Amino acid sequence: ARGGGDAADTTTTTTMMTTKTSRVMGHAPREKPIAGERDARRGVGATTTTTMMRPAAPGGAVEAKRAFAFDTLSPDQAAMSARGRKSAVSGARDVNNVETREGATASAALAEELAVKVRVGGEDALSTFRSYEASREECAAYASNSGDIHVVILGHVDAGKSTLSGRLLYALKAIDDRVVHKNARDSKASGKASFAWAWVMDSRPEERERGVTIDVSVKRCVLDDERQLVVLDAPGHRDFVPSAISGAAQADAGVLVIDGAIGGFENGFDAAAGHSGQTREHARLAKSLGLNTLLVVVNKMDCVSYDRERFQHIVEVLTHFLVDDVKFTNEQLIFIPVSGIDGANIAPDRSDSPEALTSWYKGPALIEALRAIRLPSRGEPKPLRMPIADIITDIRSLGSAACGGKIEAGSLSRGQKVIIAPANITATVKCIEIDGLAVDFAPVGTSVDVGFSNLDPQHLQVGSVLCHESHPIASTTEIEVRVLTTDVLRIPILRGSKVVLHSHMLACDATVDALVAQVDTLTGNIIKENPRCITRDQSAILRIKTSKSVCVEPTSVSPTLSRVTLRSGGKTIALGAVTAIWR
């Protein structure tokens, strides 16, 4: 009875707590269904209270197995089973990895075998042209002394190069009085009256606004009865030396303009601290790029009243530098005093030359010296090579895909199929124009504008080369060059040094991959193999890797497409030529 009373008290207390809790919660408590009721709701069937209260004996009813799932794997068994499956998969994966590594090793060996490049230079490079057969017109062009003479105007900034070029074109009747008066009127209205003659060449708005030549300006005129003169006015500012390099690369001869005014020559030539003249650099570029004739024009002689002693002083200093340092010969140099602003000593008749000059100077005028230039022999005909100097988009007659450049080898005919390297794209020549006139044939040494049919303009890039369909130029990313370092080199050239490579019209980043040898500057004999570094005023053979495919050829094949210039930090540190390529 006592036990029953305790149970009754407990039941009463639980009921009171539940009632109190339900009042607080605001609803009646819900009873949690037992397992049997859950199974009944799911349609499993009713079970007894005993079955729901405790597990069934082994071999009991199906309902007990269904409730407690003794027929499934225990957690330990599941872990062991999963571990076994993982080991099996890992073993299979190891087998696959072994097979993959073996395949990768074989692929790497094949790639290494294919990556072995062959050095091509000298007679090996010439052997590819022995089967070339030139046309009759092409052979006649190689044998003729007529054709275009390309002359680049070099010199320090503000030496009067553009003014001299404008006067030269006027004396050769390439421009008329109407153009002269228009430029004089416009330059005066802009507050730059002294730039009237310079505006003949500097036609771009930014050039006229700044008063500085930025890009190479090209003008064509008649030089004599047989030849035409192509004037390439190169910029003199040190920021635009790459443009000067591309202009000099197209030239057959050079005109080095010197500022004859007091202090002008010194600022352009002296290498002392505080001076940044470009006369020395431009002279070295002229020699390294194969210009065998250099007219040294001492301009602004009117500023010194055509003083003979001033002219002789400049001649002595420059002769010592050009002959002893740059290695020009005396026969390759001609010194001419002129005044671009006054037109003195430019035309052969010397009608504009004052008596103060004619009283002591008996040499040739500028035009007479230009007419005396004779081009060296071009040798045997070779397949077409035309570096692209400009992409043309504003001449409707040429079409949407057009370019301009100078034919360095071979010839070009309308309807001819050519290859654009290094893109290796074949195109058909639709039209050829020389100074705006359509022609069917263009010989070696001619500057032309070429339009193509069925060609995407994006395949045309400055620095690419048009070449013969059957004898294309080989593109490469590794070249061997022989160079001479300049006196402005401050940090020695080491393996891994970064440079900018310039050759004909192209410019690209490059890395010195190996220092092959240091050679004697005069004899060319090897002094030391695999030197640790190359310092200033030394000759060396370098192996260079370029950041992109370039189109160059060894000196034995093409003197023009072999000239290279290495620059670093905005300065020319080495000049030379390609001796071999790897392909």
Protein backbone atom coordinates (compact mmCIF):
# COMPACT_ATOMS: atom_id res chain seq x y z
CA ALA A 1 0.00 0.00 0.00
CA ARG A 2 2.90 2.23 0.78
CA GLY A 3 4.46 1.53 -2.60
CA GLY A 4 1.15 2.25 -4.30
CA GLY A 5 0.84 5.53 -2.42
CA ASP A 6 4.31 6.61 -3.49
CA ALA A 7 3.44 5.84 -7.06
CA ALA A 8 0.18 7.73 -6.81
CA ASP A 9 1.97 10.75 -5.31
CA THR A 10 4.49 10.65 -8.11
CA THR A 11 1.79 10.45 -10.74
CA THR A 12 -0.11 13.35 -9.17
CA THR A 13 3.03 15.50 -9.02
CA THR A 14 3.88 14.74 -12.66
CA THR A 15 0.35 15.60 -13.73
CA MET A 16 0.42 18.92 -11.89
CA MET A 17 3.81 19.83 -13.45
CA THR A 18 2.58 18.94 -16.91
CA THR A 19 -0.58 20.99 -16.41
CA LYS A 20 1.45 23.96 -15.16
CA THR A 21 3.85 23.66 -18.09
CA SER A 22 1.00 23.51 -20.56
CA ARG A 23 -0.47 26.70 -19.13
CA VAL A 24 2.82 28.47 -19.53
CA MET A 25 3.29 27.15 -23.10
CA GLY A 26 -0.30 27.87 -23.98
CA HIS A 27 -1.12 24.43 -25.46
CA ALA A 28 -1.50 20.88 -24.40
CA PRO A 29 1.63 18.70 -24.43
CA ARG A 30 2.03 16.34 -27.33
CA GLU A 31 2.88 12.78 -26.56
CA LYS A 32 5.90 11.39 -28.43
CA PRO A 33 4.76 8.37 -30.43
CA ILE A 34 6.47 5.13 -29.64
CA ALA A 35 8.13 2.96 -32.25
CA GLY A 36 5.03 0.82 -32.77
CA GLU A 37 2.85 3.81 -33.54
CA ARG A 38 5.43 5.19 -35.94
CA ASP A 39 5.55 1.89 -37.74
CA ALA A 40 1.78 1.74 -37.83
CA ARG A 41 1.59 5.19 -39.39
CA ARG A 42 4.12 4.09 -42.01
CA GLY A 43 2.04 0.98 -42.72
CA VAL A 44 4.49 -1.48 -41.24
CA GLY A 45 2.03 -3.05 -38.87
CA ALA A 46 1.36 -3.08 -35.14
CA THR A 47 3.83 -4.42 -32.64
CA THR A 48 3.43 -5.42 -29.03
CA THR A 49 4.47 -3.25 -26.16
CA THR A 50 7.00 -5.85 -25.09
CA THR A 51 8.65 -5.85 -28.48
CA MET A 52 8.84 -2.11 -28.42
CA MET A 53 10.19 -2.00 -24.86
CA ARG A 54 13.17 -4.43 -25.27
CA PRO A 55 15.04 -6.20 -28.06
CA ALA A 56 13.89 -9.58 -29.26
CA ALA A 57 15.78 -12.75 -28.62
CA PRO A 58 18.08 -14.04 -31.32
CA GLY A 59 16.13 -15.57 -34.14
CA GLY A 60 13.13 -13.44 -33.25
CA ALA A 61 10.56 -11.88 -35.55
CA VAL A 62 11.37 -9.90 -38.66
CA GLU A 63 10.07 -6.75 -36.98
CA ALA A 64 12.92 -6.84 -34.43
CA LYS A 65 15.53 -7.00 -37.23
CA ARG A 66 13.82 -4.17 -38.98
CA ALA A 67 13.82 -2.01 -35.85
CA PHE A 68 17.42 -2.52 -34.74
CA ALA A 69 19.09 -3.58 -38.11
CA PHE A 70 21.35 -6.28 -36.66
CA ASP A 71 21.76 -7.56 -40.21
CA THR A 72 23.77 -4.44 -41.29
CA LEU A 73 27.54 -3.86 -40.81
CA SER A 74 28.76 -2.39 -37.56
CA PRO A 75 30.67 0.92 -37.67
CA ASP A 76 34.02 -0.90 -37.24
CA GLN A 77 33.16 -3.33 -40.01
CA ALA A 78 32.07 -0.46 -42.30
CA ALA A 79 35.38 1.37 -41.64
CA MET A 80 37.43 -1.75 -42.38
CA SER A 81 35.46 -2.37 -45.57
CA ALA A 82 35.95 1.21 -46.75
CA ARG A 83 39.66 0.98 -45.96
CA GLY A 84 39.90 -2.15 -48.08
CA ARG A 85 38.13 -0.49 -51.00
CA LYS A 86 40.46 2.53 -50.74
CA SER A 87 43.50 0.28 -50.82
CA ALA A 88 42.19 -1.44 -53.93
CA VAL A 89 41.51 1.86 -55.67
CA SER A 90 44.92 3.20 -54.59
CA GLY A 91 46.62 0.14 -56.01
CA ALA A 92 44.88 0.58 -59.32
CA ARG A 93 45.75 4.27 -59.27
CA ASP A 94 49.41 3.45 -58.62
CA VAL A 95 49.41 1.18 -61.65
CA ASN A 96 47.89 3.96 -63.74
CA ASN A 97 50.43 6.47 -62.36
CA VAL A 98 53.30 4.18 -63.31
CA GLU A 99 51.91 3.87 -66.82
CA THR A 100 51.39 7.66 -66.98
CA ARG A 101 54.94 8.35 -65.77
CA GLU A 102 56.34 5.93 -68.31
CA GLY A 103 54.32 7.65 -71.06
CA ALA A 104 55.40 11.10 -69.88
CA THR A 105 59.06 9.99 -69.84
CA ALA A 106 58.75 8.74 -73.40
CA SER A 107 57.03 11.96 -74.49
CA ALA A 108 59.71 14.06 -72.78
CA ALA A 109 62.44 12.07 -74.50
CA LEU A 110 60.73 12.56 -77.85
CA ALA A 111 60.26 16.28 -77.20
CA GLU A 112 63.92 16.61 -76.20
CA GLU A 113 64.94 14.83 -79.38
CA LEU A 114 62.79 17.13 -81.50
CA ALA A 115 64.02 20.21 -79.58
CA VAL A 116 67.61 19.70 -80.74
CA LYS A 117 68.31 22.56 -83.13
CA VAL A 118 70.83 22.69 -85.94
CA ARG A 119 73.25 25.57 -86.32
CA VAL A 120 72.97 27.08 -89.79
CA GLY A 121 75.58 29.54 -91.00
CA GLY A 122 78.09 30.19 -93.76
CA GLU A 123 77.92 27.79 -96.68
CA ASP A 124 75.09 25.82 -95.05
CA ALA A 125 72.86 28.88 -95.28
CA LEU A 126 73.84 29.62 -98.89
CA SER A 127 73.16 26.06 -100.03
CA THR A 128 69.40 26.59 -99.81
CA PHE A 129 69.54 29.25 -102.58
CA ARG A 130 71.48 27.26 -105.16
CA SER A 131 68.30 25.96 -106.74
CA TYR A 132 66.81 29.46 -107.10
CA GLU A 133 66.23 30.61 -110.67
CA ALA A 134 65.78 34.35 -111.17
CA SER A 135 63.69 35.83 -113.94
CA ARG A 136 65.21 37.81 -116.80
CA GLU A 137 63.91 41.10 -115.43
CA GLU A 138 65.35 40.31 -112.01
CA CYS A 139 68.79 39.50 -113.41
CA ALA A 140 68.79 42.77 -115.35
CA ALA A 141 67.91 44.71 -112.21
CA TYR A 142 70.80 43.13 -110.28
CA ALA A 143 73.24 44.02 -113.05
CA SER A 144 72.04 47.63 -113.42
CA ASN A 145 73.51 50.59 -111.55
CA SER A 146 70.25 52.53 -111.75
CA GLY A 147 67.46 52.46 -109.21
CA ASP A 148 66.64 54.17 -105.98
CA ILE A 149 69.23 55.59 -103.60
CA HIS A 150 68.00 55.63 -100.02
CA VAL A 151 69.66 58.26 -97.86
CA VAL A 152 68.99 58.58 -94.12
CA ILE A 153 69.38 61.94 -92.39
CA LEU A 154 70.99 61.42 -88.98
CA GLY A 155 72.28 63.70 -86.26
CA HIS A 156 71.69 65.24 -82.87
CA VAL A 157 68.33 66.79 -82.02
CA ASP A 158 68.00 70.43 -83.15
CA ALA A 159 70.87 70.06 -85.61
CA GLY A 160 68.50 71.17 -88.38
CA LYS A 161 67.92 67.82 -90.09
CA SER A 162 64.28 68.40 -91.11
CA THR A 163 65.00 71.96 -92.25
CA LEU A 164 67.89 70.69 -94.36
CA SER A 165 65.69 67.93 -95.80
CA GLY A 166 63.01 70.44 -96.77
CA ARG A 167 65.57 72.65 -98.50
CA LEU A 168 67.01 69.64 -100.31
CA LEU A 169 63.62 68.55 -101.65
CA TYR A 170 62.88 72.10 -102.80
CA ALA A 171 66.21 72.31 -104.63
CA LEU A 172 65.42 69.00 -106.37
CA LYS A 173 61.96 70.35 -107.31
CA ALA A 174 60.13 67.71 -105.27
CA ILE A 175 57.92 70.46 -103.77
CA ASP A 176 56.72 73.67 -105.35
CA ASP A 177 56.37 77.24 -104.16
CA ARG A 178 52.76 76.71 -103.15
CA VAL A 179 53.75 74.16 -100.49
CA VAL A 180 56.54 76.43 -99.28
CA HIS A 181 54.23 79.43 -98.89
CA LYS A 182 51.58 77.33 -97.12
CA ASN A 183 54.09 75.99 -94.60
CA ALA A 184 55.48 79.48 -94.02
CA ARG A 185 52.00 80.86 -93.36
CA ASP A 186 50.94 78.02 -91.06
CA SER A 187 54.18 77.94 -89.08
CA LYS A 188 54.05 81.70 -88.53
CA ALA A 189 50.46 81.46 -87.32
CA SER A 190 51.56 78.79 -84.83
CA GLY A 191 54.41 80.90 -83.52
CA LYS A 192 57.04 78.63 -85.11
CA ALA A 193 58.10 80.62 -88.16
CA SER A 194 61.61 79.10 -88.15
CA PHE A 195 60.09 75.62 -88.69
CA ALA A 196 58.63 76.41 -92.12
CA TRP A 197 61.12 74.28 -94.04
CA ALA A 198 61.05 71.53 -91.41
CA TRP A 199 57.29 71.13 -91.88
CA VAL A 200 57.97 69.71 -95.34
CA MET A 201 59.06 66.51 -93.55
CA ASP A 202 57.38 66.87 -90.16
CA SER A 203 53.75 66.60 -91.25
CA ARG A 204 52.27 64.91 -88.16
CA PRO A 205 50.38 67.24 -85.78
CA GLU A 206 52.35 66.10 -82.71
CA GLU A 207 55.64 66.70 -84.52
CA ARG A 208 54.64 70.22 -85.51
CA GLU A 209 53.36 70.97 -82.02
CA ARG A 210 56.49 69.73 -80.22
CA GLY A 211 58.94 70.83 -82.89
CA VAL A 212 60.66 67.40 -82.78
CA THR A 213 60.74 64.61 -85.36
CA ILE A 214 59.17 61.50 -83.85
CA ASP A 215 59.03 58.96 -86.67
CA VAL A 216 60.94 58.43 -89.90
CA SER A 217 59.59 60.67 -92.66
CA VAL A 218 59.99 59.38 -96.22
CA LYS A 219 59.98 61.51 -99.38
CA ARG A 220 60.90 60.53 -102.93
CA CYS A 221 62.31 62.78 -105.65
CA VAL A 222 64.33 62.62 -108.87
CA LEU A 223 68.08 62.71 -108.26
CA ASP A 224 69.38 62.50 -111.85
CA ASP A 225 68.41 61.06 -115.22
CA GLU A 226 68.67 57.44 -114.08
CA ARG A 227 68.04 57.36 -110.35
CA GLN A 228 65.60 58.56 -107.74
CA LEU A 229 66.45 59.75 -104.26
CA VAL A 230 64.50 58.47 -101.24
CA VAL A 231 65.04 60.76 -98.25
CA LEU A 232 64.59 59.16 -94.81
CA ASP A 233 64.46 61.87 -92.15
CA ALA A 234 65.24 60.10 -88.86
CA PRO A 235 64.52 61.55 -85.39
CA GLY A 236 67.49 62.84 -83.40
CA HIS A 237 66.07 62.70 -79.89
CA ARG A 238 67.48 59.91 -77.74
CA ASP A 239 63.96 58.67 -76.92
CA PHE A 240 63.39 57.84 -80.59
CA VAL A 241 66.64 56.03 -81.40
CA PRO A 242 64.72 52.84 -82.34
CA SER A 243 63.05 54.81 -85.12
CA ALA A 244 66.44 56.06 -86.26
CA ILE A 245 67.66 52.47 -86.38
CA SER A 246 64.76 51.39 -88.59
CA GLY A 247 65.41 54.35 -90.89
CA ALA A 248 69.13 53.65 -91.18
CA ALA A 249 68.40 49.97 -91.85
CA GLN A 250 66.68 50.96 -95.12
CA ALA A 251 69.41 53.33 -96.28
CA ASP A 252 72.23 52.93 -98.80
CA ALA A 253 74.10 56.02 -97.59
CA GLY A 254 73.93 58.42 -94.69
CA VAL A 255 73.96 62.17 -94.10
CA LEU A 256 75.24 63.04 -90.63
CA VAL A 257 74.07 66.57 -89.82
CA ILE A 258 76.24 68.57 -87.40
CA ASP A 259 75.22 71.77 -85.63
CA GLY A 260 78.02 74.18 -86.52
CA ALA A 261 76.89 76.93 -84.14
CA ILE A 262 79.03 77.77 -81.12
CA GLY A 263 78.15 75.23 -78.43
CA GLY A 264 75.86 73.28 -80.74
CA PHE A 265 78.52 70.90 -82.00
CA GLU A 266 79.87 70.36 -78.49
CA ASN A 267 76.44 69.57 -77.05
CA GLY A 268 75.78 67.01 -79.75
CA PHE A 269 79.18 65.34 -79.71
CA ASP A 270 80.87 65.58 -76.32
CA ALA A 271 80.35 62.63 -73.99
CA ALA A 272 81.11 64.58 -70.81
CA ALA A 273 78.73 64.73 -67.87
CA GLY A 274 75.72 66.90 -68.54
CA HIS A 275 75.68 66.19 -72.29
CA SER A 276 73.38 63.67 -73.97
CA GLY A 277 74.31 64.17 -77.62
CA GLN A 278 73.41 61.59 -80.22
CA THR A 279 76.13 62.33 -82.77
CA ARG A 280 78.38 59.52 -81.57
CA GLU A 281 75.57 56.97 -81.37
CA HIS A 282 74.17 57.86 -84.79
CA ALA A 283 77.63 57.61 -86.38
CA ARG A 284 78.14 54.13 -84.91
CA LEU A 285 74.68 53.09 -86.09
CA ALA A 286 75.50 54.26 -89.61
CA LYS A 287 78.64 52.13 -89.75
CA SER A 288 77.16 49.03 -88.12
CA LEU A 289 74.10 49.09 -90.39
CA GLY A 290 76.26 48.92 -93.49
CA LEU A 291 76.34 52.52 -94.74
CA ASN A 292 79.54 52.72 -96.78
CA THR A 293 79.20 56.41 -97.65
CA LEU A 294 78.69 59.11 -95.03
CA LEU A 295 78.19 62.77 -95.93
CA VAL A 296 79.06 64.87 -92.88
CA VAL A 297 77.07 68.07 -93.34
CA VAL A 298 78.08 70.93 -91.04
CA ASN A 299 74.84 72.90 -90.81
CA LYS A 300 74.04 76.37 -89.40
CA MET A 301 77.24 77.87 -90.79
CA ASP A 302 75.36 81.14 -91.04
CA CYS A 303 75.45 81.33 -87.21
CA VAL A 304 79.26 81.60 -87.32
CA SER A 305 79.36 83.80 -90.43
CA TYR A 306 80.67 80.87 -92.48
CA ASP A 307 83.90 80.87 -90.53
CA ARG A 308 86.54 78.63 -92.09
CA GLU A 309 88.37 77.92 -88.85
CA ARG A 310 85.18 76.75 -87.17
CA PHE A 311 84.52 74.33 -90.02
CA GLN A 312 88.09 72.98 -89.98
CA HIS A 313 87.97 72.46 -86.21
CA ILE A 314 84.80 70.35 -86.55
CA VAL A 315 86.33 68.39 -89.45
CA GLU A 316 89.45 67.53 -87.44
CA VAL A 317 87.54 66.35 -84.37
CA LEU A 318 85.06 64.27 -86.34
CA THR A 319 87.70 62.74 -88.62
CA HIS A 320 89.61 61.47 -85.62
CA PHE A 321 86.44 59.94 -84.16
CA LEU A 322 84.96 58.50 -87.37
CA VAL A 323 88.21 57.01 -88.68
CA ASP A 324 89.93 55.86 -85.49
CA ASP A 325 86.92 54.83 -83.39
CA VAL A 326 84.07 54.05 -85.78
CA LYS A 327 86.40 52.65 -88.50
CA PHE A 328 85.20 54.62 -91.50
CA THR A 329 87.83 55.24 -94.14
CA ASN A 330 88.76 58.70 -95.39
CA GLU A 331 87.38 57.76 -98.82
CA GLN A 332 83.95 57.06 -97.28
CA LEU A 333 83.68 60.51 -95.67
CA ILE A 334 82.76 63.82 -97.33
CA PHE A 335 82.54 67.05 -95.27
CA ILE A 336 80.21 69.76 -96.59
CA PRO A 337 79.45 73.17 -94.99
CA VAL A 338 75.85 74.32 -95.52
CA SER A 339 73.13 76.51 -94.13
CA GLY A 340 69.73 74.88 -94.23
CA ILE A 341 67.78 77.97 -93.26
CA ASP A 342 69.44 80.05 -96.01
CA GLY A 343 69.87 77.23 -98.55
CA ALA A 344 73.61 77.85 -98.85
CA ASN A 345 75.72 75.21 -100.66
CA ILE A 346 72.83 72.85 -101.29
CA ALA A 347 72.10 73.30 -105.01
CA PRO A 348 74.89 72.77 -107.56
CA ASP A 349 74.61 76.31 -108.96
CA ARG A 350 75.36 77.78 -105.49
CA SER A 351 73.02 80.66 -106.22
CA ASP A 352 72.16 80.94 -102.53
CA SER A 353 75.74 80.59 -101.28
CA PRO A 354 77.29 83.81 -99.89
CA GLU A 355 80.75 85.00 -100.82
CA ALA A 356 81.92 84.38 -97.27
CA LEU A 357 81.56 80.65 -98.02
CA THR A 358 82.50 80.43 -101.69
CA SER A 359 85.71 82.37 -101.09
CA TRP A 360 87.32 79.41 -99.32
CA TYR A 361 85.18 76.29 -99.92
CA LYS A 362 85.77 74.67 -103.33
CA GLY A 363 84.26 71.26 -102.67
CA PRO A 364 80.97 69.78 -103.90
CA ALA A 365 77.54 71.05 -102.95
CA LEU A 366 75.18 68.70 -101.15
CA ILE A 367 73.27 67.60 -104.27
CA GLU A 368 76.52 67.03 -106.17
CA ALA A 369 77.78 64.79 -103.38
CA LEU A 370 74.52 62.82 -103.41
CA ARG A 371 74.74 62.29 -107.17
CA ALA A 372 78.28 61.00 -106.78
CA ILE A 373 77.14 58.11 -104.56
CA ARG A 374 77.61 54.71 -106.18
CA LEU A 375 75.93 51.64 -104.79
CA PRO A 376 78.03 48.52 -104.19
CA SER A 377 77.44 45.41 -106.28
CA ARG A 378 74.41 43.40 -105.20
CA GLY A 379 75.97 40.08 -106.16
CA GLU A 380 73.96 37.17 -107.51
CA PRO A 381 70.13 37.30 -107.53
CA LYS A 382 68.51 35.88 -104.43
CA PRO A 383 64.90 35.05 -103.50
CA LEU A 384 62.51 37.78 -102.41
CA ARG A 385 63.14 39.42 -99.05
CA MET A 386 61.15 42.53 -98.09
CA PRO A 387 60.95 43.58 -94.42
CA ILE A 388 57.66 45.28 -93.60
CA ALA A 389 58.35 48.85 -92.50
CA ASP A 390 54.82 50.21 -92.34
CA ILE A 391 51.22 48.99 -92.24
CA ILE A 392 49.11 51.01 -94.68
CA THR A 393 45.45 51.62 -93.91
CA ASP A 394 44.64 54.93 -95.62
CA ILE A 395 45.24 54.15 -99.31
CA ARG A 396 42.02 52.85 -100.81
CA SER A 397 43.59 51.55 -104.03
CA LEU A 398 45.73 49.10 -102.04
CA GLY A 399 42.82 47.58 -100.13
CA SER A 400 42.42 46.73 -96.48
CA ALA A 401 45.53 44.55 -96.27
CA ALA A 402 48.58 46.53 -97.37
CA CYS A 403 52.11 47.28 -96.25
CA GLY A 404 55.19 49.20 -97.31
CA GLY A 405 58.89 48.49 -97.30
CA LYS A 406 62.09 48.18 -99.27
CA ILE A 407 62.87 45.13 -101.41
CA GLU A 408 66.23 43.97 -100.04
CA ALA A 409 66.53 40.92 -102.32
CA GLY A 410 64.71 39.45 -105.28
CA SER A 411 61.80 41.22 -106.94
CA LEU A 412 58.05 41.59 -106.67
CA SER A 413 55.40 41.16 -109.37
CA ARG A 414 51.66 41.66 -109.46
CA GLY A 415 49.86 38.33 -109.00
CA GLN A 416 52.86 36.73 -107.29
CA LYS A 417 52.32 34.48 -104.29
CA VAL A 418 54.45 35.33 -101.28
CA ILE A 419 54.86 34.04 -97.73
CA ILE A 420 54.61 36.38 -94.77
CA ALA A 421 57.09 35.19 -92.15
CA PRO A 422 57.21 34.32 -89.31
CA ALA A 423 53.41 33.87 -89.43
CA ASN A 424 53.91 31.50 -92.40
CA ILE A 425 50.85 32.87 -94.19
CA THR A 426 50.60 32.71 -97.99
CA ALA A 427 49.19 35.77 -99.75
CA THR A 428 48.74 36.99 -103.31
CA VAL A 429 50.04 40.37 -104.45
CA LYS A 430 47.04 42.31 -105.74
CA CYS A 431 48.75 45.58 -106.62
CA ILE A 432 52.11 47.38 -106.31
CA GLU A 433 52.57 51.13 -106.07
CA ILE A 434 55.71 53.24 -106.20
CA ASP A 435 55.11 56.77 -104.95
CA GLY A 436 51.38 56.39 -105.68
CA LEU A 437 51.84 55.00 -109.22
CA ALA A 438 50.75 51.44 -109.96
CA VAL A 439 53.37 49.14 -111.46
CA ASP A 440 53.49 45.47 -112.43
CA PHE A 441 57.10 44.80 -111.44
CA ALA A 442 59.37 46.18 -108.71
CA PRO A 443 63.10 45.32 -108.72
CA VAL A 444 65.56 44.95 -105.84
CA GLY A 445 66.33 48.15 -103.95
CA THR A 446 62.93 49.73 -104.56
CA SER A 447 60.62 51.09 -101.86
CA VAL A 448 57.08 49.96 -102.63
CA ASP A 449 53.58 49.80 -101.21
CA VAL A 450 51.95 46.40 -101.65
CA GLY A 451 48.29 45.41 -101.45
CA PHE A 452 47.17 41.81 -100.93
CA SER A 453 44.01 39.90 -101.75
CA ASN A 454 42.26 37.44 -99.43
CA LEU A 455 44.49 38.28 -96.47
CA ASP A 456 43.53 39.17 -92.92
CA PRO A 457 45.30 42.47 -92.06
CA GLN A 458 46.21 41.15 -88.61
CA HIS A 459 48.85 38.91 -90.22
CA LEU A 460 50.78 42.01 -91.34
CA GLN A 461 53.15 43.30 -88.66
CA VAL A 462 56.11 45.65 -88.72
CA GLY A 463 59.24 43.49 -88.66
CA SER A 464 57.71 40.60 -90.59
CA VAL A 465 59.29 39.68 -93.92
CA LEU A 466 57.72 39.05 -97.33
CA CYS A 467 59.61 36.18 -98.92
CA HIS A 468 59.59 33.89 -101.92
CA GLU A 469 56.99 31.14 -101.83
CA SER A 470 59.49 28.40 -102.70
CA HIS A 471 62.41 29.84 -100.73
CA PRO A 472 60.99 31.26 -97.49
CA ILE A 473 63.13 32.78 -94.78
CA ALA A 474 63.68 30.64 -91.70
CA SER A 475 62.22 32.02 -88.48
CA THR A 476 64.04 31.30 -85.25
CA THR A 477 64.26 32.20 -81.57
CA GLU A 478 68.00 31.50 -81.18
CA ILE A 479 70.76 33.32 -83.03
CA GLU A 480 74.53 33.65 -82.83
CA VAL A 481 75.85 37.19 -83.21
CA ARG A 482 79.27 38.78 -83.29
CA VAL A 483 79.13 42.21 -81.67
CA LEU A 484 81.33 45.10 -80.59
CA THR A 485 80.33 46.73 -77.32
CA THR A 486 80.24 50.52 -77.12
CA ASP A 487 81.85 52.90 -74.68
CA VAL A 488 78.50 53.64 -73.00
CA LEU A 489 78.32 50.10 -71.60
CA ARG A 490 78.52 50.44 -67.81
CA ILE A 491 77.23 47.05 -66.60
CA PRO A 492 79.13 44.11 -68.18
CA ILE A 493 77.20 41.69 -70.37
CA LEU A 494 76.67 38.44 -68.51
CA ARG A 495 74.85 35.21 -69.24
CA GLY A 496 71.17 35.98 -68.64
CA SER A 497 71.48 39.71 -69.39
CA LYS A 498 68.28 41.23 -70.77
CA VAL A 499 68.54 43.32 -73.93
CA VAL A 500 66.36 44.69 -76.73
CA LEU A 501 67.30 43.29 -80.12
CA HIS A 502 66.92 45.50 -83.21
CA SER A 503 67.35 44.14 -86.73
CA HIS A 504 66.03 45.76 -89.93
CA MET A 505 62.44 46.74 -88.94
CA LEU A 506 61.93 44.43 -85.97
CA ALA A 507 62.53 45.02 -82.27
CA CYS A 508 61.97 42.45 -79.53
CA ASP A 509 63.13 41.53 -76.04
CA ALA A 510 65.96 39.03 -75.85
CA THR A 511 68.23 37.26 -73.38
CA VAL A 512 71.94 36.55 -73.65
CA ASP A 513 71.91 32.75 -73.40
CA ALA A 514 75.65 32.15 -73.64
CA LEU A 515 78.94 34.00 -73.99
CA VAL A 516 80.55 31.86 -76.66
CA ALA A 517 83.88 33.64 -76.98
CA GLN A 518 85.73 36.91 -76.71
CA VAL A 519 87.45 37.76 -80.00
CA ASP A 520 90.11 40.19 -81.12
CA THR A 521 88.54 43.37 -82.47
CA LEU A 522 90.95 43.69 -85.41
CA THR A 523 91.82 40.12 -86.42
CA GLY A 524 88.68 38.29 -85.29
CA ASN A 525 90.73 35.56 -83.62
CA ILE A 526 89.30 33.99 -80.48
CA ILE A 527 90.99 35.31 -77.36
CA LYS A 528 89.04 33.41 -74.73
CA GLU A 529 86.26 30.85 -74.91
CA ASN A 530 83.27 31.01 -72.56
CA PRO A 531 84.26 34.26 -70.81
CA ARG A 532 82.48 35.22 -67.62
CA CYS A 533 81.56 38.70 -68.87
CA ILE A 534 82.01 41.16 -71.72
CA THR A 535 82.90 44.76 -70.90
CA ARG A 536 83.00 47.99 -72.91
CA ASP A 537 84.88 48.23 -76.22
CA GLN A 538 85.23 44.45 -76.57
CA SER A 539 84.27 42.11 -79.40
CA ALA A 540 82.47 38.89 -78.58
CA ILE A 541 80.37 36.08 -80.01
CA LEU A 542 77.06 35.74 -78.17
CA ARG A 543 74.19 33.29 -78.35
CA ILE A 544 70.89 35.09 -77.91
CA LYS A 545 67.36 33.83 -77.32
CA THR A 546 64.54 36.08 -78.45
CA SER A 547 61.12 36.40 -76.83
CA LYS A 548 59.39 35.69 -80.15
CA SER A 549 60.23 34.24 -83.54
CA VAL A 550 62.34 36.59 -85.63
CA CYS A 551 63.35 36.58 -89.29
CA VAL A 552 67.07 37.21 -89.71
CA GLU A 553 69.75 35.64 -91.87
CA PRO A 554 73.52 35.18 -91.50
CA THR A 555 75.84 37.75 -93.02
CA SER A 556 76.88 35.34 -95.75
CA VAL A 557 73.28 35.19 -96.99
CA SER A 558 71.96 38.73 -96.48
CA PRO A 559 74.11 41.61 -95.19
CA THR A 560 70.98 43.71 -94.68
CA LEU A 561 68.94 41.19 -92.70
CA SER A 562 71.93 40.22 -90.55
CA ARG A 563 72.66 43.60 -88.93
CA VAL A 564 71.74 43.71 -85.24
CA THR A 565 71.79 46.33 -82.52
CA LEU A 566 71.58 45.53 -78.81
CA ARG A 567 70.15 48.18 -76.51
CA SER A 568 69.60 48.29 -72.77
CA GLY A 569 68.38 51.07 -70.52
CA GLY A 570 67.73 53.36 -73.49
CA LYS A 571 71.36 53.11 -74.71
CA THR A 572 73.05 51.21 -77.52
CA ILE A 573 75.43 48.80 -75.80
CA ALA A 574 76.53 46.59 -78.72
CA LEU A 575 76.52 46.52 -82.52
CA GLY A 576 77.13 43.60 -84.82
CA ALA A 577 75.77 40.99 -87.20
CA VAL A 578 74.23 37.52 -87.19
CA THR A 579 76.74 34.76 -87.89
CA ALA A 580 74.39 31.78 -87.55
CA ILE A 581 70.87 30.78 -86.57
CA TRP A 582 69.42 27.69 -84.89
CA ARG A 583 66.41 26.01 -86.40
